[in-house]
Protein backbone atom coordinates (compact mmCIF):
# COMPACT_ATOMS: atom_id res chain seq x y z
CA MET A 1 0.17 -0.02 0.05
CA THR A 2 1.42 3.45 -0.83
CA ILE A 3 2.10 5.74 1.96
CA ARG A 4 0.61 9.27 1.40
CA HIS A 5 2.76 11.99 2.16
CA VAL A 6 1.22 15.22 3.87
CA LEU A 7 2.96 18.68 4.15
CA ILE A 8 2.01 20.73 7.26
CA THR A 9 3.07 24.34 7.48
CA ASP A 10 2.22 26.27 10.45
CA ASP A 11 4.40 28.79 12.47
CA GLU A 12 3.18 27.50 15.62
CA PRO A 13 5.60 24.51 16.43
CA GLN A 14 3.07 22.81 18.80
CA ILE A 15 0.42 22.56 16.23
CA GLY A 16 2.80 20.99 13.69
CA GLU A 17 4.13 18.51 16.34
CA VAL A 18 0.58 17.72 17.40
CA LEU A 19 -0.82 17.10 13.92
CA SER A 20 2.20 15.35 12.62
CA ALA A 21 2.04 12.77 15.63
CA TYR A 22 -1.76 12.35 14.94
CA LEU A 23 -1.26 11.79 11.10
CA GLN A 24 1.66 9.40 11.60
CA ARG A 25 -0.06 7.14 13.88
CA GLU A 26 -3.05 7.15 11.00
CA GLY A 27 -0.27 5.83 8.67
CA PHE A 28 0.81 8.98 6.83
CA ARG A 29 4.30 10.26 6.27
CA VAL A 30 4.57 13.74 7.53
CA SER A 31 6.67 16.75 6.65
CA VAL A 32 6.67 19.96 8.85
CA THR A 33 7.65 23.46 8.02
CA GLY A 34 7.19 26.74 9.58
CA THR A 35 7.37 29.36 6.90
CA ALA A 36 6.01 30.01 3.42
CA GLY A 37 9.54 29.69 1.68
CA GLU A 38 10.30 26.30 3.23
CA ALA A 39 6.62 25.16 2.29
CA MET A 40 6.96 26.07 -1.37
CA GLU A 41 10.62 24.75 -1.56
CA LEU A 42 9.63 21.29 -0.05
CA ALA A 43 6.24 21.04 -1.94
CA LEU A 44 7.80 21.66 -5.21
CA ARG A 45 10.72 19.13 -4.47
CA GLU A 46 8.82 16.49 -3.18
CA ARG A 47 5.13 16.78 -4.34
CA PRO A 48 3.25 15.65 -1.28
CA ASP A 49 -0.26 14.21 -1.78
CA LEU A 50 -1.58 16.86 0.38
CA MET A 51 -0.82 20.21 2.04
CA ILE A 52 -2.28 21.63 5.24
CA LEU A 53 -1.24 25.34 5.15
CA ASP A 54 -1.70 27.97 7.83
CA LEU A 55 -3.08 31.15 6.23
CA THR A 56 -0.78 33.43 8.03
CA LEU A 57 3.02 32.66 8.17
CA PRO A 58 6.04 34.95 9.18
CA ASP A 59 7.33 35.29 5.62
CA GLY A 60 4.09 35.35 3.75
CA SER A 61 0.64 34.06 3.27
CA GLY A 62 -0.55 30.43 2.81
CA LEU A 63 -2.62 31.58 -0.05
CA ASP A 64 0.92 32.73 -1.73
CA VAL A 65 2.29 29.38 -1.29
CA PHE A 66 -0.85 27.64 -2.68
CA ARG A 67 -0.90 30.09 -5.72
CA SER A 68 2.83 29.38 -6.56
CA VAL A 69 2.71 25.62 -5.98
CA GLN A 70 -0.43 25.21 -7.98
CA THR A 71 1.19 26.66 -11.06
CA GLU A 72 3.40 23.72 -10.97
CA ALA A 73 1.48 20.84 -9.54
CA ARG A 74 -2.23 20.20 -8.52
CA ILE A 75 -1.76 19.31 -4.81
CA PRO A 76 -4.89 18.89 -2.61
CA THR A 77 -4.76 21.62 0.17
CA ILE A 78 -6.36 22.34 3.49
CA PHE A 79 -6.17 25.77 5.03
CA LEU A 80 -5.60 26.41 8.63
CA THR A 81 -6.70 29.75 10.06
CA ALA A 82 -7.51 31.60 13.34
CA ARG A 83 -9.73 33.84 11.21
CA SER A 84 -13.22 32.59 10.78
CA ASP A 85 -14.81 35.44 8.74
CA GLU A 86 -16.54 34.49 5.27
CA VAL A 87 -14.16 36.44 3.14
CA ASP A 88 -11.10 34.24 3.97
CA ARG A 89 -13.07 31.05 3.40
CA ILE A 90 -14.37 32.42 -0.02
CA VAL A 91 -11.02 33.59 -1.21
CA GLY A 92 -9.16 30.13 -0.11
CA LEU A 93 -11.89 27.95 -1.78
CA GLU A 94 -12.41 30.06 -4.92
CA LEU A 95 -8.78 29.65 -5.59
CA GLY A 96 -9.26 25.89 -5.71
CA ALA A 97 -8.44 24.91 -2.14
CA ASP A 98 -10.06 21.70 -1.02
CA ASP A 99 -11.14 22.55 2.48
CA TYR A 100 -10.86 24.94 5.38
CA VAL A 101 -10.34 24.61 9.15
CA THR A 102 -10.57 27.03 11.58
CA LYS A 103 -8.65 27.17 14.88
CA PRO A 104 -8.91 25.84 17.48
CA PHE A 105 -9.59 22.31 15.96
CA SER A 106 -9.12 18.67 16.97
CA PRO A 107 -6.41 16.39 15.42
CA ARG A 108 -9.18 13.80 14.83
CA GLU A 109 -11.07 16.43 12.83
CA VAL A 110 -8.17 17.31 10.74
CA SER A 111 -7.33 13.80 9.97
CA ALA A 112 -10.95 13.09 8.79
CA ARG A 113 -10.75 15.89 6.42
CA VAL A 114 -7.49 14.86 5.17
CA GLN A 115 -9.17 11.38 4.54
CA ALA A 116 -12.08 12.85 2.98
CA VAL A 117 -10.01 15.19 0.67
CA LEU A 118 -7.70 12.38 -0.48
CA ARG A 119 -10.57 10.27 -1.37
CA ARG A 120 -12.19 13.03 -3.42
CA ALA A 121 -8.90 13.69 -5.01
CA GLY A 122 -8.43 9.95 -6.00
CA ARG A 123 -11.89 10.09 -7.76
CA ASN A 124 -11.30 13.50 -9.43
CA THR A 125 -8.00 12.26 -10.92
CA ALA A 126 -9.35 9.48 -12.52
CA ASP A 127 -12.06 11.48 -14.02
CA GLU A 128 -9.55 14.22 -15.13
CA ARG A 129 -7.27 11.67 -16.87
CA ALA A 130 -10.35 10.41 -18.83
CA ALA A 131 -11.14 14.02 -19.57
CA GLU A 132 -7.95 15.10 -20.57
CA VAL A 133 -8.16 13.51 -24.23
CA MET A 134 -11.22 15.03 -25.95
CA ARG A 135 -12.38 13.22 -29.13
CA VAL A 136 -14.58 13.91 -32.28
CA GLY A 137 -14.34 11.44 -34.84
CA ASP A 138 -10.79 11.06 -35.87
CA LEU A 139 -9.90 14.53 -34.14
CA ALA A 140 -8.40 14.32 -30.66
CA LEU A 141 -7.30 17.25 -28.44
CA ASP A 142 -5.05 16.16 -25.56
CA VAL A 143 -5.18 18.95 -22.87
CA GLU A 144 -2.48 17.68 -20.72
CA ALA A 145 0.03 17.36 -23.66
CA HIS A 146 -1.34 20.52 -25.36
CA GLU A 147 -1.51 18.51 -28.57
CA VAL A 148 -3.90 18.07 -31.39
CA ARG A 149 -4.11 14.72 -33.40
CA VAL A 150 -5.90 13.75 -36.53
CA ASN A 151 -5.99 10.15 -37.10
CA GLY A 152 -3.46 9.59 -34.29
CA GLN A 153 -0.86 12.07 -36.05
CA PRO A 154 0.07 15.28 -34.25
CA ILE A 155 -0.58 18.46 -35.83
CA SER A 156 1.13 21.78 -35.20
CA VAL A 157 -1.23 24.38 -33.82
CA THR A 158 -0.63 27.90 -32.26
CA ARG A 159 -1.67 28.46 -28.84
CA ALA A 160 -4.65 30.93 -29.96
CA GLU A 161 -5.69 28.05 -32.30
CA PHE A 162 -5.32 25.39 -29.39
CA ARG A 163 -7.59 27.59 -27.30
CA ILE A 164 -10.37 28.00 -29.90
CA LEU A 165 -10.35 24.31 -30.69
CA ARG A 166 -10.63 23.40 -26.95
CA ALA A 167 -13.66 25.79 -26.86
CA PHE A 168 -15.35 23.97 -29.73
CA PHE A 169 -14.71 20.64 -28.04
CA THR A 170 -16.07 21.68 -24.64
CA HIS A 171 -19.09 22.70 -26.60
CA ALA A 172 -19.08 20.11 -29.30
CA GLY A 173 -22.40 19.95 -31.41
CA GLN A 174 -23.47 23.36 -30.34
CA VAL A 175 -23.76 26.40 -32.51
CA LEU A 176 -21.58 29.29 -31.24
CA THR A 177 -21.75 32.85 -32.38
CA ARG A 178 -18.48 34.69 -32.35
CA GLU A 179 -19.61 36.46 -29.30
CA ASP A 180 -20.21 33.05 -27.59
CA LEU A 181 -16.54 32.08 -28.64
CA LEU A 182 -15.13 35.18 -27.31
CA ASN A 183 -16.82 34.85 -24.06
CA ILE A 184 -15.78 31.44 -23.58
CA LEU A 185 -12.31 32.31 -24.14
CA ASP A 186 -12.54 35.20 -21.81
CA ASP A 187 -9.67 36.75 -23.55
CA ALA A 188 -7.43 39.50 -22.60
CA GLY A 189 -6.93 40.77 -26.14
CA SER A 190 -4.87 38.31 -28.23
CA ILE A 191 -7.87 37.16 -30.06
CA TYR A 192 -10.41 39.51 -31.32
CA GLU A 193 -13.49 39.24 -33.30
CA ARG A 194 -11.89 40.46 -36.56
CA THR A 195 -9.09 38.01 -36.12
CA LEU A 196 -11.23 34.93 -34.98
CA ASP A 197 -12.53 33.85 -38.52
CA ARG A 198 -8.58 33.97 -39.64
CA HIS A 199 -7.64 31.62 -36.64
CA ILE A 200 -10.73 29.16 -37.45
CA ASN A 201 -9.65 29.03 -41.31
CA ASN A 202 -5.98 28.32 -40.28
CA LEU A 203 -7.48 25.44 -38.11
CA ARG A 204 -9.54 24.16 -40.88
CA ARG A 205 -6.30 24.00 -43.27
CA LYS A 206 -4.80 21.77 -40.53
CA ILE A 207 -7.42 19.31 -39.40
CA GLU A 208 -9.94 19.13 -42.25
CA PRO A 209 -9.59 16.62 -44.84
CA ASP A 210 -11.17 18.84 -47.41
CA VAL A 211 -11.22 22.47 -46.39
CA GLU A 212 -13.78 23.36 -48.97
CA ASN A 213 -16.12 20.95 -47.37
CA PRO A 214 -15.22 21.04 -43.44
CA LYS A 215 -16.25 17.88 -41.69
CA TYR A 216 -15.36 19.20 -38.26
CA ILE A 217 -15.75 22.90 -37.71
CA VAL A 218 -18.73 23.85 -39.79
CA THR A 219 -20.38 27.13 -40.41
CA VAL A 220 -23.82 27.68 -39.46
CA PHE A 221 -24.87 30.57 -41.95
CA GLY A 222 -26.00 33.61 -40.34
CA VAL A 223 -25.30 32.44 -36.84
CA GLY A 224 -21.66 31.13 -36.35
CA TYR A 225 -19.72 27.87 -35.95
CA LYS A 226 -19.92 24.32 -34.26
CA LEU A 227 -17.92 21.30 -33.91
CA GLN A 228 -19.87 18.82 -35.76
CA ARG A 229 -20.19 15.14 -34.15
CA PRO A 230 -19.82 12.54 -36.76
């Protein structure tokens, strides 16, 4: 059986010691740090299965640690805090944190939440792997590899083309207006309505067997486009 690794970061040594001892008795391998810098360095080096982060640390915030680590690896995270106001909870959970525990707490409560988060993460990982490669006919979009394949052969696409194709895959079979596509892309300015048609035409030249009679990205005249299912 794989031993799960939990990283605890809290600037109160007693909390780290108590939680560590309890989780070790539950069968976890535990690392304890007391600063944001130590937490980021250890998390990125060892990729623990779960992080328990105090919201307030002497050299930064648990939220800063969470943001920094998640850009490199998706690690399930539980926040610890002495503050119970709603704003902190919303900020933490909207960033993607998995749970939130307010001090004071019992080690048994934290252990139960760790077990629950890891169970959910295990289920989600399997679901995410299945969803990472999306297919319509002979056309496949591999999200993790950032790759498009036609009949199993990789096709070179630009970042903008990949994002547009992913939007089509996410809404396969639905007619999307230009405004719909721009809203889905939620773009900061690199894709404009006047350039959208050009990106789509470039995509067609790369993925369509016959550009004059598109099989995948079809035009719905007077409305927009859709990714057509076979």
